[in-house]
Amino acid sequence: MDNKILIITPPDKIFNQNLSVLLIYPSTAIKKELQDILADTNIEQNIYLYELEEDEHNFDWLLDLSKMSDVVILDVDNSPYHIKMLSSYLISLPN
């Protein structure tokens, strides 16, 4: 199986036709589960990863990606307070 997966972090964005998944502060278990799922696919994918240090923020990037990604996975339990404050908005998005 020849799948192409791009891991992208702030502030970068890739504009292509690949399936895009945004991970927001994913736990190790979520990363492992996604890795297992991706291993069984042959779809080209962009995996956006948002897990900045507590004193770092890139809200513009996060909000842009949450709208343009096909799938958003938000780990509320592992997210810092400033992300938890955005969680109701992120959960309201259709993806």
Protein backbone atom coordinates (compact mmCIF):
# COMPACT_ATOMS: atom_id res chain seq x y z
CA MET A 1 0.00 0.00 0.00
CA ASP A 2 1.45 3.37 -0.99
CA ASN A 3 -0.19 6.09 1.05
CA LYS A 4 1.15 9.60 1.30
CA ILE A 5 0.64 11.37 4.59
CA LEU A 6 1.82 14.92 5.25
CA ILE A 7 2.15 16.06 8.86
CA ILE A 8 1.68 19.82 9.05
CA THR A 9 2.05 22.12 12.04
CA PRO A 10 1.40 25.85 12.56
CA PRO A 11 1.86 28.15 10.76
CA ASP A 12 1.99 26.04 7.58
CA LYS A 13 -0.99 25.23 5.37
CA ILE A 14 -1.16 22.97 2.34
CA PHE A 15 -3.71 23.65 -0.37
CA ASN A 16 -4.37 20.46 -2.31
CA GLN A 17 -7.13 17.91 -2.86
CA ASN A 18 -5.99 15.52 -0.11
CA LEU A 19 -8.24 14.53 2.74
CA SER A 20 -7.41 16.87 5.64
CA VAL A 21 -7.56 15.90 9.30
CA LEU A 22 -6.95 18.37 12.12
CA LEU A 23 -5.79 16.97 15.46
CA ILE A 24 -6.06 19.32 18.42
CA TYR A 25 -3.98 18.28 21.44
CA PRO A 26 -4.42 14.56 20.75
CA SER A 27 -3.49 12.06 23.45
CA THR A 28 -1.02 9.29 22.72
CA ALA A 29 -3.95 6.87 22.46
CA ILE A 30 -5.67 9.02 19.82
CA LYS A 31 -2.43 9.31 17.83
CA LYS A 32 -1.98 5.54 17.96
CA GLU A 33 -5.58 4.91 16.91
CA LEU A 34 -5.25 7.32 13.98
CA GLN A 35 -1.95 5.70 12.98
CA ASP A 36 -3.67 2.30 12.91
CA ILE A 37 -6.50 3.67 10.77
CA LEU A 38 -4.12 5.43 8.37
CA ALA A 39 -2.05 2.28 7.97
CA ASP A 40 -5.06 0.57 6.38
CA THR A 41 -5.81 3.33 3.85
CA ASN A 42 -4.27 4.33 0.56
CA ILE A 43 -5.66 7.86 0.47
CA GLU A 44 -3.34 10.86 0.32
CA GLN A 45 -3.90 12.86 3.49
CA ASN A 46 -2.88 16.03 5.24
CA ILE A 47 -2.65 15.62 9.00
CA TYR A 48 -2.62 19.00 10.72
CA LEU A 49 -1.34 18.86 14.28
CA TYR A 50 -2.05 21.58 16.81
CA GLU A 51 -0.32 20.96 20.14
CA LEU A 52 1.61 24.09 20.97
CA GLU A 53 3.23 24.88 24.29
CA GLU A 54 1.04 26.55 26.89
CA ASP A 55 2.49 30.02 26.20
CA GLU A 56 2.24 29.68 22.41
CA HIS A 57 -0.91 30.43 20.44
CA ASN A 58 -1.90 30.48 16.80
CA PHE A 59 -5.66 30.92 16.97
CA ASP A 60 -5.96 32.21 13.40
CA TRP A 61 -4.33 29.05 12.06
CA LEU A 62 -6.44 26.83 14.29
CA LEU A 63 -9.72 28.49 13.30
CA ASP A 64 -8.82 28.50 9.60
CA LEU A 65 -7.90 24.82 9.68
CA SER A 66 -10.97 23.86 11.67
CA LYS A 67 -13.08 25.24 8.82
CA MET A 68 -11.07 23.82 5.92
CA SER A 69 -10.38 20.32 7.30
CA ASP A 70 -12.57 17.37 6.40
CA VAL A 71 -12.28 15.92 9.91
CA VAL A 72 -11.47 17.66 13.20
CA ILE A 73 -10.48 15.63 16.25
CA LEU A 74 -10.47 17.66 19.44
CA ASP A 75 -9.21 16.01 22.62
CA VAL A 76 -10.88 18.29 25.15
CA ASP A 77 -9.43 16.39 28.12
CA ASN A 78 -5.84 17.06 27.03
CA SER A 79 -6.40 20.60 25.79
CA PRO A 80 -5.26 23.64 27.72
CA TYR A 81 -7.79 26.12 29.07
CA HIS A 82 -7.59 28.51 26.10
CA ILE A 83 -8.58 25.69 23.71
CA LYS A 84 -11.36 24.46 26.01
CA MET A 85 -12.84 27.96 25.74
CA LEU A 86 -13.07 27.45 21.94
CA SER A 87 -14.37 23.89 22.18
CA SER A 88 -18.08 24.73 21.89
CA TYR A 89 -17.39 26.64 18.67
CA LEU A 90 -15.18 23.87 17.27
CA ILE A 91 -17.75 21.21 18.14
CA SER A 92 -20.47 23.22 16.39
CA LEU A 93 -18.67 22.95 13.03
CA PRO A 94 -20.04 20.36 10.62
CA ASN A 95 -16.74 18.46 10.28
